[in-house]
Amino acid sequence: MISNAYFHPLSPIPGSKLIASNNFLTGISTLTGRSHYGLDQLHKRYGKVVRIGTDIVTVADKDMIREILVTTDYPKSIIHQGFELNGQHNLFSSRNKDFHKNRRRLVAPSFGLQYLRSLEPIMHECIHVLIKKIDELLENSKAAKGKKVLPQGHINICSFMMRLSLDIIGETAFGQSFEMVQDDVHPIPGQMAKTLRRSMQQAFNPWMKWIVPLDFSFLEFGAERVRARKAKGEKGRRADLLQYLIDAQANERVNGNGETGNDYEDMISGKLTDKAVETEASVFLIAGSETSSTAMTFTMMFLVKNPDKLAKLRDELDLATASNPRGALPTYDQVRNLPYLTGCINESLRLRPVAATGLPREVTEDVTMNGYFFPKGTILLAQFPQLHWSDEYFPQADKYIPERWIPEETPFKPVQDFTFYPFSAGTRNCVGKNFAMMEMRLILATIVLTYDISAVPNQREDYVQYITTALATESYVILMTKR
């Protein structure tokens, strides 16, 4: 430990010598889900570059983050192996650039704007179920079916955003709603989240593998859904992400680029085997539900705490949908380019980034960056949240100011490039960005147009990160009445 603290190549980098002497303390901090609070304090004390383990350095310098994520585009670190499902590489977990390039080439078109338009009716169906359920609770709060009964008009919007996101991704990734909004009893989402949470903790704490084994039995659900869709043939076709994966797999085989029979080689090369289709659909479920649901919850939290911003957003939405008949849901064409709605979402993603602990990348060869030497194998934690929360780049950074994203309305200088990373950057940026923004715009617009919403005081707002950022209590209640 003394050697690591004082004689290691990373020793000159500022930081606590005790924390830097080993990876144990950093690993333990991930078990609580609150390591982002500690990282924030370390940067305030030691500066923009801080050593937090034997071979781990957290970086909050704008130019260095750009170098890490974009210019050099370092591969993901070994920590991301925590997202491998039953030993299967996937688009999110893989550290192999060739695998990622091949798999992304196959998957990315399913998240293109043209294909996503075909998902709008599916999203609308799920949103209709949400509106119906909330209306039932507003009529009779005891309709919660054994769940905690809240006072009349009080709705746990955090719970409903998670349940709605699960239903939408269930419909689009598996061709079947989990009916979480209606009943909240399906076991698969909870099993998956629990396993991935433990898997990520094990990535930082390898000793946990011997104490808490992982349960991947939920993968059979995905396998069954894929088999069922294929068995129906043309009769089972529908416009969703699962169908796109199945079609992409079929095209590979027709073109002679399908599986070779060597499972390991097929996985490494990124071929869409049956297991790959099942795994990618499962990853979509986790990555596509918790992230967007949390972002929507935080956005509504900021809006009800800032009634003037909420009123301004409603005015924009009322104007954009003025021609709609009463009760009609807003369409994506009506909301996709609304500047204030986009500003409200961006400001929420700035204040509560999806990855509050930053993005880990691994140095592939010895390098000197901004005067700091990093030997091969160093894990650099691109601490972009520190940019989001900096008055240097975002004046009055602790305040919710959607206007800062609208050039004609901002009281500040335009937002600088490479200071805002809501969906990462470089070749490993989020492939589902368009899906997430479409979902958030449609849902937030619908709620603000359909209900008067206001704040309920004295609620906890602290947040944790295991897989992605989420409210620690998994609860945020707002007061809702039908407009």
Foldseek 3Di string as FASTA:
>chain_A
DVCLCCVALQNVQDEDSVQASALVVVLVVLVVLPVLVVVVVGCVVRHQWYRRYSQEIEGNDLVVLCCPCAVVNFFFALLLCLLAFPNFDALRRDRDPLLNVVQCVLQLVCQDPVLVQQLQVVLVVLLVLLVVLVVVCLVPQVVPVPPDRDPRQKDFLLQQLLQSQLQSLCCFLLVGGQCCSPNVDRCLVVLLVVQSLVSSSCSSVVVCCVVDPGDNPSLVVLLVSLVVLVVCPPVSDGRHSLNSLVVSLVVCVVVVNADPPPVVVCRSNNHSDSSRSSSHSSVCSVVRRPQLSQLLVLLVVQCQVPVVLLVVVLVLLCVLCVVPDPPDFDGLVSFVPRLSLVLSSQLSCLQFAFASQAGWGFAQAWDADPNRTRHGGRIYGHRLNSLSQDCVQPNVSVHRDSQQQPVVRRPDDHGDPSNGQNQGDHPSGHSNPSVSSSSSRRNSSRQSNFWDKHADPDDDADWGDSPTIHGPVSGGMIRIDTD
